[in-house]
C-alpha atoms as a PDB file:
ATOM      1  CA  MET A   1      -2.673 -16.905  26.151  1.00  0.00           C
ATOM      2  CA  LEU A   2       0.572 -15.260  24.745  1.00  0.00           C
ATOM      3  CA  GLU A   3       2.660 -16.962  27.163  1.00  0.00           C
ATOM      4  CA  THR A   4       1.090 -20.171  26.661  1.00  0.00           C
ATOM      5  CA  SER A   5       1.632 -20.253  22.885  1.00  0.00           C
ATOM      6  CA  PRO A   6       4.820 -21.343  21.508  1.00  0.00           C
ATOM      7  CA  HIS A   7       4.057 -20.361  18.098  1.00  0.00           C
ATOM      8  CA  LEU A   8       3.722 -16.763  18.764  1.00  0.00           C
ATOM      9  CA  GLN A   9       6.871 -16.814  21.430  1.00  0.00           C
ATOM     10  CA  ARG A  10       8.823 -18.006  18.259  1.00  0.00           C
ATOM     11  CA  LEU A  11       7.316 -15.319  15.964  1.00  0.00           C
ATOM     12  CA  GLY A  12       8.121 -12.683  18.674  1.00  0.00           C
ATOM     13  CA  ARG A  13      11.273 -14.100  19.921  1.00  0.00           C
ATOM     14  CA  LEU A  14      13.151 -10.578  18.241  1.00  0.00           C
ATOM     15  CA  PHE A  15      10.357  -8.376  19.051  1.00  0.00           C
ATOM     16  CA  SER A  16      11.391  -6.165  22.071  1.00  0.00           C
ATOM     17  CA  GLU A  17       9.160  -2.422  21.719  1.00  0.00           C
ATOM     18  CA  THR A  18       6.879  -0.256  22.911  1.00  0.00           C
ATOM     19  CA  VAL A  19       3.839   0.104  20.792  1.00  0.00           C
ATOM     20  CA  LEU A  20       1.112   2.953  21.257  1.00  0.00           C
ATOM     21  CA  ILE A  21      -2.811   1.389  20.822  1.00  0.00           C
ATOM     22  CA  GLU A  22      -5.159   4.225  20.677  1.00  0.00           C
ATOM     23  CA  VAL A  23      -8.795   3.662  21.108  1.00  0.00           C
ATOM     24  CA  ASP A  24     -11.192   6.479  21.010  1.00  0.00           C
ATOM     25  CA  GLY A  25      -8.453   8.838  22.510  1.00  0.00           C
ATOM     26  CA  GLN A  26      -7.652   6.181  25.293  1.00  0.00           C
ATOM     27  CA  GLU A  27      -3.580   5.424  24.870  1.00  0.00           C
ATOM     28  CA  PHE A  28      -2.408   1.973  26.287  1.00  0.00           C
ATOM     29  CA  TYR A  29       1.462   1.533  25.825  1.00  0.00           C
ATOM     30  CA  LEU A  30       2.312  -2.316  25.245  1.00  0.00           C
ATOM     31  CA  THR A  31       6.046  -2.996  26.224  1.00  0.00           C
ATOM     32  CA  PHE A  32       7.255  -6.225  24.709  1.00  0.00           C
ATOM     33  CA  ASP A  33      10.333  -8.011  25.673  1.00  0.00           C
ATOM     34  CA  LYS A  34      11.448 -10.679  23.241  1.00  0.00           C
ATOM     35  CA  GLY A  35       7.921 -11.142  22.153  1.00  0.00           C
ATOM     36  CA  ARG A  36       6.499 -11.300  25.940  1.00  0.00           C
ATOM     37  CA  ILE A  37       4.416  -8.766  27.153  1.00  0.00           C
ATOM     38  CA  GLU A  38       6.262  -6.985  29.845  1.00  0.00           C
ATOM     39  CA  SER A  39       3.731  -3.896  30.964  1.00  0.00           C
ATOM     40  CA  VAL A  40       0.668  -2.414  29.644  1.00  0.00           C
ATOM     41  CA  VAL A  41       0.184   1.718  30.818  1.00  0.00           C
ATOM     42  CA  THR A  42      -2.637   3.401  30.089  1.00  0.00           C
ATOM     43  CA  GLY A  43      -1.624   6.922  29.022  1.00  0.00           C
ATOM     44  CA  PRO A  44      -1.755   9.603  27.764  1.00  0.00           C
ATOM     45  CA  SER A  45       1.819  10.001  28.489  1.00  0.00           C
ATOM     46  CA  ARG A  46       4.262  12.331  26.446  1.00  0.00           C
ATOM     47  CA  LYS A  47       7.235  10.830  28.120  1.00  0.00           C
ATOM     48  CA  THR A  48       6.727   7.274  27.202  1.00  0.00           C
ATOM     49  CA  PRO A  49       8.575   6.601  24.033  1.00  0.00           C
ATOM     50  CA  TRP A  50       7.090   4.304  21.564  1.00  0.00           C
ATOM     51  CA  ARG A  51       8.364   2.441  17.903  1.00  0.00           C
ATOM     52  CA  PHE A  52       4.937   2.452  16.621  1.00  0.00           C
ATOM     53  CA  ALA A  53       0.994   3.360  16.843  1.00  0.00           C
ATOM     54  CA  LEU A  54      -2.088   1.923  15.902  1.00  0.00           C
ATOM     55  CA  ARG A  55      -5.074   4.397  16.161  1.00  0.00           C
ATOM     56  CA  THR A  56      -8.536   3.189  15.952  1.00  0.00           C
ATOM     57  CA  ASP A  57     -12.147   3.331  17.411  1.00  0.00           C
ATOM     58  CA  GLY A  58     -13.394   1.251  19.938  1.00  0.00           C
ATOM     59  CA  ASP A  59     -16.435  -0.064  17.102  1.00  0.00           C
ATOM     60  CA  ALA A  60     -14.151  -0.836  14.849  1.00  0.00           C
ATOM     61  CA  LEU A  61     -11.871  -3.033  17.412  1.00  0.00           C
ATOM     62  CA  THR A  62     -14.943  -4.602  18.542  1.00  0.00           C
ATOM     63  CA  LYS A  63     -15.837  -5.788  15.020  1.00  0.00           C
ATOM     64  CA  PHE A  64     -12.169  -6.704  14.386  1.00  0.00           C
ATOM     65  CA  TRP A  65     -12.303  -8.877  17.631  1.00  0.00           C
ATOM     66  CA  GLN A  66     -15.577 -10.809  16.202  1.00  0.00           C
ATOM     67  CA  SER A  67     -14.754 -14.055  15.223  1.00  0.00           C
ATOM     68  CA  ARG A  68     -15.739 -13.923  11.848  1.00  0.00           C
ATOM     69  CA  PRO A  69     -14.697  -9.919  11.473  1.00  0.00           C
ATOM     70  CA  GLU A  70     -16.800  -8.350   7.931  1.00  0.00           C
ATOM     71  CA  PRO A  71     -14.820  -7.122   5.439  1.00  0.00           C
ATOM     72  CA  GLY A  72     -12.391  -4.262   6.194  1.00  0.00           C
ATOM     73  CA  PHE A  73     -12.332  -5.165  10.180  1.00  0.00           C
ATOM     74  CA  HIS A  74     -10.440  -8.392   9.384  1.00  0.00           C
ATOM     75  CA  ASP A  75      -6.899  -6.839   9.274  1.00  0.00           C
ATOM     76  CA  ILE A  76      -5.234  -3.777  10.793  1.00  0.00           C
ATOM     77  CA  PHE A  77      -4.400  -2.755   7.142  1.00  0.00           C
ATOM     78  CA  GLY A  78      -8.022  -3.059   6.886  1.00  0.00           C
ATOM     79  CA  LEU A  79      -8.930  -0.846   9.162  1.00  0.00           C
ATOM     80  CA  VAL A  80      -6.470   1.923   7.779  1.00  0.00           C
ATOM     81  CA  LYS A  81      -8.389   1.422   3.855  1.00  0.00           C
ATOM     82  CA  ILE A  82     -11.541   1.716   4.997  1.00  0.00           C
ATOM     83  CA  GLY A  83     -10.723   4.842   7.461  1.00  0.00           C
ATOM     84  CA  ARG A  84     -11.151   3.542  10.557  1.00  0.00           C
ATOM     85  CA  GLY A  85      -7.635   3.118  11.835  1.00  0.00           C
ATOM     86  CA  ARG A  86      -4.675   4.869  11.432  1.00  0.00           C
ATOM     87  CA  ILE A  87      -0.907   3.805  11.806  1.00  0.00           C
ATOM     88  CA  ASP A  88       1.725   5.823  12.504  1.00  0.00           C
ATOM     89  CA  GLY A  89       5.954   5.910  13.293  1.00  0.00           C
ATOM     90  CA  ASP A  90       8.111   3.275  12.309  1.00  0.00           C
ATOM     91  CA  ILE A  91       6.189   1.647   9.661  1.00  0.00           C
ATOM     92  CA  LEU A  92       9.446  -0.322   8.946  1.00  0.00           C
ATOM     93  CA  THR A  93       9.576  -2.027  12.771  1.00  0.00           C
ATOM     94  CA  LEU A  94       5.911  -3.155  12.092  1.00  0.00           C
ATOM     95  CA  VAL A  95       6.417  -4.739   8.710  1.00  0.00           C
ATOM     96  CA  LYS A  96       9.183  -6.738  10.057  1.00  0.00           C
ATOM     97  CA  ASN A  97       7.203  -7.967  12.820  1.00  0.00           C
ATOM     98  CA  LEU A  98       3.519  -7.735  11.303  1.00  0.00           C
ATOM     99  CA  ARG A  99       2.696 -11.054  11.855  1.00  0.00           C
ATOM    100  CA  PHE A 100       3.454 -11.454  15.379  1.00  0.00           C
ATOM    101  CA  PHE A 101       1.822  -8.011  16.007  1.00  0.00           C
ATOM    102  CA  LYS A 102      -1.424  -8.946  13.911  1.00  0.00           C
ATOM    103  CA  GLU A 103      -1.839 -12.594  16.021  1.00  0.00           C
ATOM    104  CA  VAL A 104      -1.103 -10.968  19.172  1.00  0.00           C
ATOM    105  CA  LEU A 105      -3.991  -8.522  18.365  1.00  0.00           C
ATOM    106  CA  ALA A 106      -5.915 -11.315  17.249  1.00  0.00           C
ATOM    107  CA  LEU A 107      -5.841 -13.142  20.763  1.00  0.00           C
ATOM    108  CA  ALA A 108      -8.955 -11.350  21.665  1.00  0.00           C
ATOM    109  CA  ARG A 109     -10.962 -12.381  18.850  1.00  0.00           C
ATOM    110  CA  THR A 110     -13.992 -14.354  20.122  1.00  0.00           C
ATOM    111  CA  GLN A 111     -14.036 -18.247  19.386  1.00  0.00           C
ATOM    112  CA  GLU A 112     -16.923 -19.839  17.744  1.00  0.00           C
ATOM    113  CA  GLU A 113     -18.444 -23.048  19.384  1.00  0.00           C
ATOM    114  CA  GLN A 114     -17.845 -26.094  17.206  1.00  0.00           C
ATOM    115  CA  PRO A 115     -20.904 -27.810  16.103  1.00  0.00           C
ATOM    116  CA  ALA A 116     -21.578 -30.918  18.142  1.00  0.00           C
END
């Protein structure tokens, strides 16, 4: 979906980094090149450098990906605030690309069916 979204390609055109997503201790390294996902590699790996990390649990991520997440699960900083997530690393890089990163993570949200 990322490749078919001109909006996200525009937002991420300057983002070329590796990000660590850790879910229940399982590591996933997402490498972006100019806003496109270049690779997703599972870890753990002490040799893969990453710029920032989002660490959470599977249940919290499932709630985050609902079409209408409950309060606290609607945002990555919400997960941190309620104690279900942690952000490590270069926070400045995250903040500079916050909208892009949050919208990429939200791509997996389920879509509500529209009433006929």
